[in-house]
Amino acid sequence: MLTIEDCIAMCRLTDEEIDAIAEHEDLSTKTALEMGHYFCKTINSELRLNRIIADDIEAATERGDFAHAAKLRRFIQYFLEHHAGVLLHDDQKAPKGQA
């Protein structure tokens, strides 16, 4: 039987990316992992994940959870460094006060 750790290892996503999907979509880790695995097999998957993380930063900032927003900003920096195919377009810029 596969464990959740086995599934994570097979899907090319980090724990943080899976957590970002789970937070954004209000899903369990297992369901977010399945969605992330699907994203990895589709065109523009990196752009989708980038948008999800940016949305989570904006939501955390709006609710005053600045520590979580800062953690997500550090993570999006890592994400952008390791997913070179991601380009921020005008409609995907960091939320106000985040740039």
N, C-alpha and C. Protein backbone atom coordinates (compact mmCIF):
# COMPACT_ATOMS: atom_id res chain seq x y z
N MET A 1 0.85 -1.18 0.00
CA MET A 1 0.00 0.00 0.00
C MET A 1 0.89 1.24 0.00
N LEU A 2 0.51 2.23 -0.79
CA LEU A 2 1.26 3.48 -0.85
C LEU A 2 0.89 4.39 0.32
N THR A 3 1.89 5.03 0.87
CA THR A 3 1.63 6.02 1.91
C THR A 3 1.50 7.39 1.25
N ILE A 4 1.05 8.37 2.00
CA ILE A 4 0.95 9.74 1.49
C ILE A 4 2.33 10.24 1.10
N GLU A 5 3.36 9.85 1.86
CA GLU A 5 4.73 10.24 1.55
C GLU A 5 5.19 9.66 0.21
N ASP A 6 4.79 8.41 -0.07
CA ASP A 6 5.10 7.80 -1.36
C ASP A 6 4.47 8.59 -2.50
N CYS A 7 3.22 8.97 -2.31
CA CYS A 7 2.50 9.72 -3.34
C CYS A 7 3.13 11.09 -3.57
N ILE A 8 3.51 11.75 -2.49
CA ILE A 8 4.17 13.06 -2.61
C ILE A 8 5.46 12.92 -3.40
N ALA A 9 6.24 11.89 -3.09
CA ALA A 9 7.51 11.68 -3.77
C ALA A 9 7.32 11.43 -5.27
N MET A 10 6.21 10.85 -5.66
CA MET A 10 5.97 10.53 -7.05
C MET A 10 5.45 11.71 -7.87
N CYS A 11 4.98 12.77 -7.22
CA CYS A 11 4.24 13.79 -7.98
C CYS A 11 5.02 15.05 -8.31
N ARG A 12 6.29 15.18 -7.98
CA ARG A 12 7.11 16.34 -8.34
C ARG A 12 6.75 17.62 -7.60
N LEU A 13 5.92 17.57 -6.60
CA LEU A 13 5.56 18.77 -5.84
C LEU A 13 6.18 18.70 -4.45
N THR A 14 6.43 19.86 -3.88
CA THR A 14 6.93 19.91 -2.51
C THR A 14 5.75 19.89 -1.55
N ASP A 15 6.05 19.63 -0.28
CA ASP A 15 5.01 19.69 0.75
C ASP A 15 4.35 21.06 0.76
N GLU A 16 5.16 22.12 0.58
CA GLU A 16 4.63 23.48 0.60
C GLU A 16 3.68 23.74 -0.55
N GLU A 17 3.99 23.21 -1.73
CA GLU A 17 3.10 23.38 -2.88
C GLU A 17 1.78 22.66 -2.64
N ILE A 18 1.85 21.48 -2.09
CA ILE A 18 0.63 20.73 -1.78
C ILE A 18 -0.18 21.46 -0.71
N ASP A 19 0.50 21.98 0.31
CA ASP A 19 -0.20 22.75 1.36
C ASP A 19 -0.87 23.99 0.79
N ALA A 20 -0.20 24.65 -0.17
CA ALA A 20 -0.78 25.85 -0.79
C ALA A 20 -2.05 25.50 -1.56
N ILE A 21 -2.03 24.39 -2.27
CA ILE A 21 -3.23 23.94 -2.99
C ILE A 21 -4.34 23.63 -2.00
N ALA A 22 -4.00 22.90 -0.93
CA ALA A 22 -5.00 22.53 0.08
C ALA A 22 -5.62 23.77 0.70
N GLU A 23 -4.79 24.76 1.04
CA GLU A 23 -5.30 25.99 1.64
C GLU A 23 -6.20 26.75 0.67
N HIS A 24 -5.74 26.90 -0.55
CA HIS A 24 -6.48 27.68 -1.54
C HIS A 24 -7.82 27.06 -1.88
N GLU A 25 -7.84 25.76 -2.04
CA GLU A 25 -9.04 25.05 -2.47
C GLU A 25 -9.85 24.47 -1.31
N ASP A 26 -9.36 24.67 -0.07
CA ASP A 26 -10.00 24.14 1.13
C ASP A 26 -10.19 22.62 1.01
N LEU A 27 -9.06 21.94 0.76
CA LEU A 27 -9.06 20.50 0.55
C LEU A 27 -8.19 19.80 1.59
N SER A 28 -8.40 18.51 1.71
CA SER A 28 -7.50 17.70 2.53
C SER A 28 -6.16 17.59 1.79
N THR A 29 -5.13 17.20 2.52
CA THR A 29 -3.81 17.03 1.90
C THR A 29 -3.87 16.00 0.78
N LYS A 30 -4.56 14.90 1.01
CA LYS A 30 -4.65 13.85 0.00
C LYS A 30 -5.32 14.36 -1.28
N THR A 31 -6.41 15.07 -1.13
CA THR A 31 -7.12 15.59 -2.31
C THR A 31 -6.29 16.67 -3.00
N ALA A 32 -5.61 17.51 -2.22
CA ALA A 32 -4.73 18.53 -2.81
C ALA A 32 -3.58 17.87 -3.57
N LEU A 33 -3.08 16.78 -3.04
CA LEU A 33 -2.02 16.03 -3.71
C LEU A 33 -2.51 15.51 -5.06
N GLU A 34 -3.71 14.98 -5.08
CA GLU A 34 -4.28 14.48 -6.34
C GLU A 34 -4.46 15.62 -7.34
N MET A 35 -4.95 16.78 -6.87
CA MET A 35 -5.12 17.93 -7.74
C MET A 35 -3.76 18.40 -8.25
N GLY A 36 -2.77 18.46 -7.37
CA GLY A 36 -1.43 18.88 -7.77
C GLY A 36 -0.83 17.94 -8.80
N HIS A 37 -1.05 16.65 -8.61
CA HIS A 37 -0.55 15.66 -9.57
C HIS A 37 -1.19 15.91 -10.93
N TYR A 38 -2.47 16.21 -10.94
CA TYR A 38 -3.16 16.53 -12.19
C TYR A 38 -2.56 17.80 -12.80
N PHE A 39 -2.33 18.83 -11.98
CA PHE A 39 -1.73 20.07 -12.48
C PHE A 39 -0.40 19.79 -13.18
N CYS A 40 0.38 18.89 -12.61
CA CYS A 40 1.71 18.60 -13.17
C CYS A 40 1.63 17.96 -14.55
N LYS A 41 0.49 17.45 -14.89
CA LYS A 41 0.33 16.80 -16.18
C LYS A 41 -0.38 17.68 -17.20
N THR A 42 -0.67 18.93 -16.83
CA THR A 42 -1.39 19.82 -17.73
C THR A 42 -0.52 21.01 -18.13
N ILE A 43 -0.90 21.63 -19.21
CA ILE A 43 -0.22 22.84 -19.67
C ILE A 43 -0.50 23.96 -18.67
N ASN A 44 0.46 24.80 -18.45
CA ASN A 44 0.34 25.96 -17.56
C ASN A 44 0.21 25.59 -16.09
N SER A 45 0.65 24.38 -15.71
CA SER A 45 0.51 23.98 -14.31
C SER A 45 1.28 24.92 -13.38
N GLU A 46 2.46 25.36 -13.80
CA GLU A 46 3.24 26.26 -12.95
C GLU A 46 2.53 27.60 -12.78
N LEU A 47 1.89 28.08 -13.83
CA LEU A 47 1.14 29.34 -13.72
C LEU A 47 -0.04 29.18 -12.76
N ARG A 48 -0.71 28.03 -12.81
CA ARG A 48 -1.82 27.77 -11.89
C ARG A 48 -1.35 27.78 -10.44
N LEU A 49 -0.26 27.07 -10.19
CA LEU A 49 0.27 27.02 -8.82
C LEU A 49 0.74 28.39 -8.37
N ASN A 50 1.36 29.15 -9.24
CA ASN A 50 1.78 30.51 -8.92
C ASN A 50 0.57 31.36 -8.53
N ARG A 51 -0.51 31.25 -9.28
CA ARG A 51 -1.73 32.03 -9.00
C ARG A 51 -2.33 31.60 -7.66
N ILE A 52 -2.32 30.31 -7.38
CA ILE A 52 -2.86 29.81 -6.11
C ILE A 52 -2.08 30.41 -4.95
N ILE A 53 -0.75 30.38 -5.03
CA ILE A 53 0.08 30.91 -3.95
C ILE A 53 -0.14 32.41 -3.80
N ALA A 54 -0.20 33.13 -4.92
CA ALA A 54 -0.44 34.58 -4.86
C ALA A 54 -1.80 34.88 -4.24
N ASP A 55 -2.81 34.10 -4.56
CA ASP A 55 -4.14 34.27 -3.95
C ASP A 55 -4.09 34.04 -2.45
N ASP A 56 -3.34 33.02 -2.03
CA ASP A 56 -3.22 32.72 -0.60
C ASP A 56 -2.51 33.85 0.14
N ILE A 57 -1.51 34.47 -0.49
CA ILE A 57 -0.83 35.62 0.13
C ILE A 57 -1.82 36.76 0.32
N GLU A 58 -2.59 37.05 -0.71
CA GLU A 58 -3.57 38.13 -0.63
C GLU A 58 -4.61 37.86 0.46
N ALA A 59 -5.10 36.63 0.53
CA ALA A 59 -6.11 36.28 1.53
C ALA A 59 -5.55 36.41 2.95
N ALA A 60 -4.31 35.94 3.14
CA ALA A 60 -3.69 36.04 4.47
C ALA A 60 -3.50 37.49 4.86
N THR A 61 -3.09 38.32 3.93
CA THR A 61 -2.90 39.75 4.21
C THR A 61 -4.22 40.42 4.55
N GLU A 62 -5.26 40.11 3.80
CA GLU A 62 -6.58 40.71 4.03
C GLU A 62 -7.14 40.36 5.40
N ARG A 63 -6.85 39.14 5.88
CA ARG A 63 -7.37 38.76 7.19
C ARG A 63 -6.41 39.12 8.33
N GLY A 64 -5.31 39.81 7.98
CA GLY A 64 -4.37 40.28 8.99
C GLY A 64 -3.40 39.23 9.48
N ASP A 65 -3.29 38.12 8.78
CA ASP A 65 -2.36 37.05 9.17
C ASP A 65 -1.02 37.30 8.47
N PHE A 66 -0.30 38.32 8.96
CA PHE A 66 0.92 38.77 8.31
C PHE A 66 2.06 37.75 8.41
N ALA A 67 2.08 36.97 9.47
CA ALA A 67 3.12 35.94 9.60
C ALA A 67 2.94 34.88 8.51
N HIS A 68 1.70 34.47 8.29
CA HIS A 68 1.44 33.48 7.25
C HIS A 68 1.72 34.07 5.87
N ALA A 69 1.34 35.31 5.65
CA ALA A 69 1.61 35.98 4.37
C ALA A 69 3.12 36.03 4.12
N ALA A 70 3.90 36.33 5.16
CA ALA A 70 5.36 36.39 5.01
C ALA A 70 5.92 35.01 4.66
N LYS A 71 5.39 33.97 5.31
CA LYS A 71 5.83 32.60 5.01
C LYS A 71 5.52 32.27 3.56
N LEU A 72 4.34 32.64 3.09
CA LEU A 72 3.96 32.37 1.71
C LEU A 72 4.80 33.18 0.73
N ARG A 73 5.16 34.42 1.10
CA ARG A 73 6.03 35.22 0.22
C ARG A 73 7.40 34.56 0.07
N ARG A 74 7.93 34.04 1.18
CA ARG A 74 9.21 33.31 1.10
C ARG A 74 9.06 32.08 0.21
N PHE A 75 7.94 31.40 0.36
CA PHE A 75 7.71 30.21 -0.45
C PHE A 75 7.55 30.56 -1.92
N ILE A 76 6.83 31.63 -2.24
CA ILE A 76 6.64 31.97 -3.66
C ILE A 76 7.97 32.35 -4.29
N GLN A 77 8.86 32.95 -3.51
CA GLN A 77 10.20 33.25 -4.03
C GLN A 77 10.92 31.95 -4.38
N TYR A 78 10.87 30.97 -3.48
CA TYR A 78 11.46 29.66 -3.75
C TYR A 78 10.82 29.03 -4.98
N PHE A 79 9.49 29.09 -5.04
CA PHE A 79 8.74 28.50 -6.15
C PHE A 79 9.19 29.11 -7.48
N LEU A 80 9.28 30.43 -7.53
CA LEU A 80 9.67 31.10 -8.77
C LEU A 80 11.10 30.76 -9.17
N GLU A 81 11.98 30.61 -8.17
CA GLU A 81 13.37 30.24 -8.46
C GLU A 81 13.49 28.82 -9.01
N HIS A 82 12.61 27.92 -8.60
CA HIS A 82 12.71 26.52 -8.98
C HIS A 82 11.76 26.11 -10.10
N HIS A 83 10.92 27.02 -10.52
CA HIS A 83 9.99 26.75 -11.63
C HIS A 83 10.18 27.86 -12.65
N ALA A 84 11.24 27.76 -13.42
CA ALA A 84 11.66 28.83 -14.32
C ALA A 84 10.62 29.16 -15.38
N GLY A 85 9.68 28.27 -15.64
CA GLY A 85 8.66 28.53 -16.67
C GLY A 85 7.60 29.51 -16.24
N VAL A 86 7.60 29.92 -15.00
CA VAL A 86 6.57 30.82 -14.50
C VAL A 86 6.95 32.25 -14.81
N LEU A 87 6.08 32.93 -15.50
CA LEU A 87 6.24 34.36 -15.77
C LEU A 87 5.06 35.09 -15.17
N LEU A 88 5.32 36.15 -14.44
CA LEU A 88 4.24 36.94 -13.87
C LEU A 88 3.76 37.94 -14.92
N HIS A 89 2.51 37.81 -15.30
CA HIS A 89 1.90 38.74 -16.23
C HIS A 89 1.26 39.86 -15.42
N ASP A 90 0.80 40.91 -16.09
CA ASP A 90 0.21 42.06 -15.40
C ASP A 90 -0.92 41.64 -14.47
N ASP A 91 -1.74 40.66 -14.87
CA ASP A 91 -2.86 40.25 -14.05
C ASP A 91 -2.46 39.28 -12.95
N GLN A 92 -1.17 38.96 -12.83
CA GLN A 92 -0.70 38.02 -11.82
C GLN A 92 0.36 38.63 -10.92
N LYS A 93 0.45 39.93 -10.89
CA LYS A 93 1.44 40.57 -10.02
C LYS A 93 1.08 40.32 -8.57
N ALA A 94 2.08 40.40 -7.73
CA ALA A 94 1.87 40.19 -6.29
C ALA A 94 0.82 41.17 -5.80
N PRO A 95 0.04 40.79 -4.80
CA PRO A 95 -0.98 41.68 -4.24
C PRO A 95 -0.37 42.98 -3.75
N LYS A 96 -1.23 43.99 -3.62
CA LYS A 96 -0.78 45.31 -3.17
C LYS A 96 0.08 45.22 -1.93
N GLY A 97 1.18 45.96 -1.94
CA GLY A 97 2.07 45.99 -0.80
C GLY A 97 2.99 44.79 -0.71
N GLN A 98 2.97 43.90 -1.71
CA GLN A 98 3.76 42.67 -1.66
C GLN A 98 4.96 42.72 -2.59
N ALA A 99 5.01 43.66 -3.52
CA ALA A 99 6.06 43.66 -4.54
C ALA A 99 7.37 44.17 -4.01
